[in-house]
Amino acid sequence: MEQRTRDAWVVAGFAAALDLALVVCGFGFVSLLADLEVVGDRDVGVLVAPVAVGAAVLTVLLVLGLRLRRPERMAATVVLAALGSWLTFVLVAAIGRIVSSTGDPGEGLRFAVVLGLGWFGLLIPLCAALTAAVAVLVARGRRGGMERPRWPWEGDAE
């Protein structure tokens, strides 16, 4: 595997972990401060939201892994990560609602759009955009010759 491709996937992997941490933290704070449940619909199973978040984070991983080989275009990468993660979140939530309850596609679509346009749904593209911007900056630095940070004891052996 080419060095540039490997670096892109390493940065994308760490960025996906950061995205997941930001989403979980954001969901916790919004739930606590606004006194809201992530999924207010009692007919939806308990796994719909975590699976939808996982799919959104996986989308961020894939977008960044494919786009960070050429990190010059920050805006396109940030928009693709944000939009892709939000659409994936909404689509998986709709499918989860359809599968977990009545099987009515209209009901699933309504649930997913309401969830996607609520506080929790809007955190998904916000976190993805922030993560993608940081990942592009790191990838640019790596491509420009930036070394990884080293601990004081990792100096050259004398």
C-alpha atoms as a PDB file:
ATOM      1  CA  MET A   1       0.000   0.000   0.000  1.00  0.00           C
ATOM      2  CA  GLU A   2       1.328   3.411  -0.940  1.00  0.00           C
ATOM      3  CA  GLN A   3       2.499   5.647   1.942  1.00  0.00           C
ATOM      4  CA  ARG A   4       0.060   8.440   1.065  1.00  0.00           C
ATOM      5  CA  THR A   5      -2.890   6.026   1.063  1.00  0.00           C
ATOM      6  CA  ARG A   6      -1.811   4.462   4.345  1.00  0.00           C
ATOM      7  CA  ASP A   7      -1.405   7.877   5.990  1.00  0.00           C
ATOM      8  CA  ALA A   8      -4.846   8.893   4.746  1.00  0.00           C
ATOM      9  CA  TRP A   9      -6.517   5.850   6.293  1.00  0.00           C
ATOM     10  CA  VAL A  10      -4.630   6.240   9.580  1.00  0.00           C
ATOM     11  CA  VAL A  11      -5.709   9.875   9.883  1.00  0.00           C
ATOM     12  CA  ALA A  12      -9.251   8.891   8.830  1.00  0.00           C
ATOM     13  CA  GLY A  13      -9.384   6.193  11.513  1.00  0.00           C
ATOM     14  CA  PHE A  14      -8.374   8.573  14.286  1.00  0.00           C
ATOM     15  CA  ALA A  15     -10.757  11.203  12.908  1.00  0.00           C
ATOM     16  CA  ALA A  16     -13.643   8.698  12.960  1.00  0.00           C
ATOM     17  CA  ALA A  17     -12.878   7.944  16.611  1.00  0.00           C
ATOM     18  CA  LEU A  18     -12.897  11.682  17.312  1.00  0.00           C
ATOM     19  CA  ASP A  19     -16.205  12.052  15.462  1.00  0.00           C
ATOM     20  CA  LEU A  20     -17.792   9.286  17.522  1.00  0.00           C
ATOM     21  CA  ALA A  21     -16.538  10.869  20.753  1.00  0.00           C
ATOM     22  CA  LEU A  22     -17.884  14.284  19.755  1.00  0.00           C
ATOM     23  CA  VAL A  23     -21.283  12.862  18.817  1.00  0.00           C
ATOM     24  CA  VAL A  24     -21.625  10.900  22.061  1.00  0.00           C
ATOM     25  CA  CYS A  25     -20.524  13.926  24.091  1.00  0.00           C
ATOM     26  CA  GLY A  26     -22.868  16.227  22.173  1.00  0.00           C
ATOM     27  CA  PHE A  27     -25.812  13.866  22.542  1.00  0.00           C
ATOM     28  CA  GLY A  28     -25.157  13.643  26.281  1.00  0.00           C
ATOM     29  CA  PHE A  29     -24.985  17.395  26.778  1.00  0.00           C
ATOM     30  CA  VAL A  30     -28.068  18.114  24.646  1.00  0.00           C
ATOM     31  CA  SER A  31     -30.014  15.389  26.437  1.00  0.00           C
ATOM     32  CA  LEU A  32     -28.943  16.701  29.835  1.00  0.00           C
ATOM     33  CA  LEU A  33     -29.375  20.426  29.212  1.00  0.00           C
ATOM     34  CA  ALA A  34     -32.589  20.263  27.163  1.00  0.00           C
ATOM     35  CA  ASP A  35     -34.069  17.351  29.130  1.00  0.00           C
ATOM     36  CA  LEU A  36     -34.739  15.421  25.905  1.00  0.00           C
ATOM     37  CA  GLU A  37     -34.528  11.784  24.959  1.00  0.00           C
ATOM     38  CA  VAL A  38     -32.448  11.032  21.861  1.00  0.00           C
ATOM     39  CA  VAL A  39     -35.311   8.994  20.457  1.00  0.00           C
ATOM     40  CA  GLY A  40     -38.622  10.197  21.830  1.00  0.00           C
ATOM     41  CA  ASP A  41     -40.724   7.624  19.937  1.00  0.00           C
ATOM     42  CA  ARG A  42     -41.504   4.683  22.250  1.00  0.00           C
ATOM     43  CA  ASP A  43     -42.211   2.372  19.286  1.00  0.00           C
ATOM     44  CA  VAL A  44     -38.601   2.529  18.136  1.00  0.00           C
ATOM     45  CA  GLY A  45     -36.168  -0.058  19.451  1.00  0.00           C
ATOM     46  CA  VAL A  46     -33.197   0.836  21.612  1.00  0.00           C
ATOM     47  CA  LEU A  47     -30.659   0.027  18.888  1.00  0.00           C
ATOM     48  CA  VAL A  48     -31.912   2.383  16.175  1.00  0.00           C
ATOM     49  CA  ALA A  49     -30.037   5.488  17.350  1.00  0.00           C
ATOM     50  CA  PRO A  50     -26.701   3.751  18.105  1.00  0.00           C
ATOM     51  CA  VAL A  51     -26.762   1.923  14.764  1.00  0.00           C
ATOM     52  CA  ALA A  52     -27.606   5.153  12.924  1.00  0.00           C
ATOM     53  CA  VAL A  53     -24.761   6.990  14.693  1.00  0.00           C
ATOM     54  CA  GLY A  54     -22.385   4.124  13.910  1.00  0.00           C
ATOM     55  CA  ALA A  55     -23.350   4.238  10.241  1.00  0.00           C
ATOM     56  CA  ALA A  56     -22.812   8.014  10.174  1.00  0.00           C
ATOM     57  CA  VAL A  57     -19.350   7.622  11.720  1.00  0.00           C
ATOM     58  CA  LEU A  58     -18.530   4.868   9.229  1.00  0.00           C
ATOM     59  CA  THR A  59     -19.492   7.260   6.434  1.00  0.00           C
ATOM     60  CA  VAL A  60     -17.100   9.867   7.831  1.00  0.00           C
ATOM     61  CA  LEU A  61     -14.364   7.223   7.939  1.00  0.00           C
ATOM     62  CA  LEU A  62     -14.944   6.237   4.309  1.00  0.00           C
ATOM     63  CA  VAL A  63     -15.154   9.809   3.018  1.00  0.00           C
ATOM     64  CA  LEU A  64     -11.987  10.830   4.815  1.00  0.00           C
ATOM     65  CA  GLY A  65     -10.107   7.671   3.903  1.00  0.00           C
ATOM     66  CA  LEU A  66     -10.828   8.245   0.231  1.00  0.00           C
ATOM     67  CA  ARG A  67     -10.396  12.025   0.184  1.00  0.00           C
ATOM     68  CA  LEU A  68      -7.343  12.562   2.405  1.00  0.00           C
ATOM     69  CA  ARG A  69      -4.912  11.209  -0.162  1.00  0.00           C
ATOM     70  CA  ARG A  70      -5.243  14.668  -1.714  1.00  0.00           C
ATOM     71  CA  PRO A  71      -5.929  16.995   1.220  1.00  0.00           C
ATOM     72  CA  GLU A  72      -5.729  20.234  -0.779  1.00  0.00           C
ATOM     73  CA  ARG A  73      -9.498  20.532  -1.155  1.00  0.00           C
ATOM     74  CA  MET A  74     -10.750  21.134   2.346  1.00  0.00           C
ATOM     75  CA  ALA A  75     -14.195  22.559   1.557  1.00  0.00           C
ATOM     76  CA  ALA A  76     -15.301  19.641  -0.597  1.00  0.00           C
ATOM     77  CA  THR A  77     -14.109  17.097   1.956  1.00  0.00           C
ATOM     78  CA  VAL A  78     -15.849  18.875   4.833  1.00  0.00           C
ATOM     79  CA  VAL A  79     -19.128  19.198   2.910  1.00  0.00           C
ATOM     80  CA  LEU A  80     -19.043  15.576   1.732  1.00  0.00           C
ATOM     81  CA  ALA A  81     -18.346  14.303   5.256  1.00  0.00           C
ATOM     82  CA  ALA A  82     -21.087  16.427   6.828  1.00  0.00           C
ATOM     83  CA  LEU A  83     -23.747  15.776   4.199  1.00  0.00           C
ATOM     84  CA  GLY A  84     -22.882  12.093   3.837  1.00  0.00           C
ATOM     85  CA  SER A  85     -22.986  11.456   7.565  1.00  0.00           C
ATOM     86  CA  TRP A  86     -26.321  13.242   7.967  1.00  0.00           C
ATOM     87  CA  LEU A  87     -27.934  11.409   5.045  1.00  0.00           C
ATOM     88  CA  THR A  88     -26.643   8.075   6.329  1.00  0.00           C
ATOM     89  CA  PHE A  89     -27.942   8.854   9.818  1.00  0.00           C
ATOM     90  CA  VAL A  90     -31.404   9.706   8.482  1.00  0.00           C
ATOM     91  CA  LEU A  91     -31.552   6.720   6.115  1.00  0.00           C
ATOM     92  CA  VAL A  92     -30.493   4.191   8.751  1.00  0.00           C
ATOM     93  CA  ALA A  93     -32.908   5.727  11.282  1.00  0.00           C
ATOM     94  CA  ALA A  94     -35.745   5.410   8.759  1.00  0.00           C
ATOM     95  CA  ILE A  95     -34.887   1.799   8.014  1.00  0.00           C
ATOM     96  CA  GLY A  96     -34.575   1.066  11.728  1.00  0.00           C
ATOM     97  CA  ARG A  97     -37.989   2.595  12.444  1.00  0.00           C
ATOM     98  CA  ILE A  98     -39.589   0.600   9.631  1.00  0.00           C
ATOM     99  CA  VAL A  99     -38.018  -2.658  10.760  1.00  0.00           C
ATOM    100  CA  SER A 100     -38.556  -2.184  14.500  1.00  0.00           C
ATOM    101  CA  SER A 101     -42.223  -1.270  14.440  1.00  0.00           C
ATOM    102  CA  THR A 102     -45.123  -1.117  11.988  1.00  0.00           C
ATOM    103  CA  GLY A 103     -43.278  -1.603   8.718  1.00  0.00           C
ATOM    104  CA  ASP A 104     -44.907   1.528   7.269  1.00  0.00           C
ATOM    105  CA  PRO A 105     -42.359   3.381   5.070  1.00  0.00           C
ATOM    106  CA  GLY A 106     -44.166   6.710   5.500  1.00  0.00           C
ATOM    107  CA  GLU A 107     -43.962   6.432   9.273  1.00  0.00           C
ATOM    108  CA  GLY A 108     -40.277   5.537   9.071  1.00  0.00           C
ATOM    109  CA  LEU A 109     -39.526   8.497   6.823  1.00  0.00           C
ATOM    110  CA  ARG A 110     -41.427  10.883   9.093  1.00  0.00           C
ATOM    111  CA  PHE A 111     -39.556   9.612  12.147  1.00  0.00           C
ATOM    112  CA  ALA A 112     -36.175   9.906  10.414  1.00  0.00           C
ATOM    113  CA  VAL A 113     -36.776  13.451   9.146  1.00  0.00           C
ATOM    114  CA  VAL A 114     -37.987  14.630  12.561  1.00  0.00           C
ATOM    115  CA  LEU A 115     -34.935  13.015  14.198  1.00  0.00           C
ATOM    116  CA  GLY A 116     -32.571  14.367  11.542  1.00  0.00           C
ATOM    117  CA  LEU A 117     -33.852  17.938  11.853  1.00  0.00           C
ATOM    118  CA  GLY A 118     -33.885  17.927  15.655  1.00  0.00           C
ATOM    119  CA  TRP A 119     -31.033  18.867  17.971  1.00  0.00           C
ATOM    120  CA  PHE A 120     -29.542  15.387  17.873  1.00  0.00           C
ATOM    121  CA  GLY A 121     -29.726  15.062  14.110  1.00  0.00           C
ATOM    122  CA  LEU A 122     -28.087  18.424  13.534  1.00  0.00           C
ATOM    123  CA  LEU A 123     -25.173  17.468  15.782  1.00  0.00           C
ATOM    124  CA  ILE A 124     -24.229  14.702  13.330  1.00  0.00           C
ATOM    125  CA  PRO A 125     -23.138  16.951  10.410  1.00  0.00           C
ATOM    126  CA  LEU A 126     -21.708  19.555  12.778  1.00  0.00           C
ATOM    127  CA  CYS A 127     -19.391  17.015  14.412  1.00  0.00           C
ATOM    128  CA  ALA A 128     -18.531  15.478  11.029  1.00  0.00           C
ATOM    129  CA  ALA A 129     -17.607  18.880   9.576  1.00  0.00           C
ATOM    130  CA  LEU A 130     -15.438  19.774  12.552  1.00  0.00           C
ATOM    131  CA  THR A 131     -13.731  16.385  12.452  1.00  0.00           C
ATOM    132  CA  ALA A 132     -13.177  16.543   8.693  1.00  0.00           C
ATOM    133  CA  ALA A 133     -11.634  20.006   8.919  1.00  0.00           C
ATOM    134  CA  VAL A 134      -9.177  18.874  11.592  1.00  0.00           C
ATOM    135  CA  ALA A 135      -8.380  15.693   9.644  1.00  0.00           C
ATOM    136  CA  VAL A 136      -7.639  17.688   6.484  1.00  0.00           C
ATOM    137  CA  LEU A 137      -5.282  19.958   8.419  1.00  0.00           C
ATOM    138  CA  VAL A 138      -3.467  16.959   9.887  1.00  0.00           C
ATOM    139  CA  ALA A 139      -3.238  15.280   6.463  1.00  0.00           C
ATOM    140  CA  ARG A 140      -1.859  18.490   4.957  1.00  0.00           C
ATOM    141  CA  GLY A 141       0.746  18.644   7.689  1.00  0.00           C
ATOM    142  CA  ARG A 142       1.750  15.026   7.169  1.00  0.00           C
ATOM    143  CA  ARG A 143       2.054  15.602   3.453  1.00  0.00           C
ATOM    144  CA  GLY A 144       4.133  18.733   4.052  1.00  0.00           C
ATOM    145  CA  GLY A 145       6.696  16.752   6.034  1.00  0.00           C
ATOM    146  CA  MET A 146       5.414  17.275   9.558  1.00  0.00           C
ATOM    147  CA  GLU A 147       6.813  14.706  11.961  1.00  0.00           C
ATOM    148  CA  ARG A 148       4.710  12.994  14.570  1.00  0.00           C
ATOM    149  CA  PRO A 149       5.016  14.443  18.074  1.00  0.00           C
ATOM    150  CA  ARG A 150       7.639  12.742  20.189  1.00  0.00           C
ATOM    151  CA  TRP A 151       8.033  12.338  23.928  1.00  0.00           C
ATOM    152  CA  PRO A 152      11.160  13.852  25.476  1.00  0.00           C
ATOM    153  CA  TRP A 153      12.688  10.391  26.021  1.00  0.00           C
ATOM    154  CA  GLU A 154      12.219   9.414  22.352  1.00  0.00           C
ATOM    155  CA  GLY A 155      15.224  11.464  21.242  1.00  0.00           C
ATOM    156  CA  ASP A 156      17.984  10.034  19.125  1.00  0.00           C
ATOM    157  CA  ALA A 157      20.196   7.567  20.930  1.00  0.00           C
ATOM    158  CA  GLU A 158      23.581   9.105  21.667  1.00  0.00           C
END
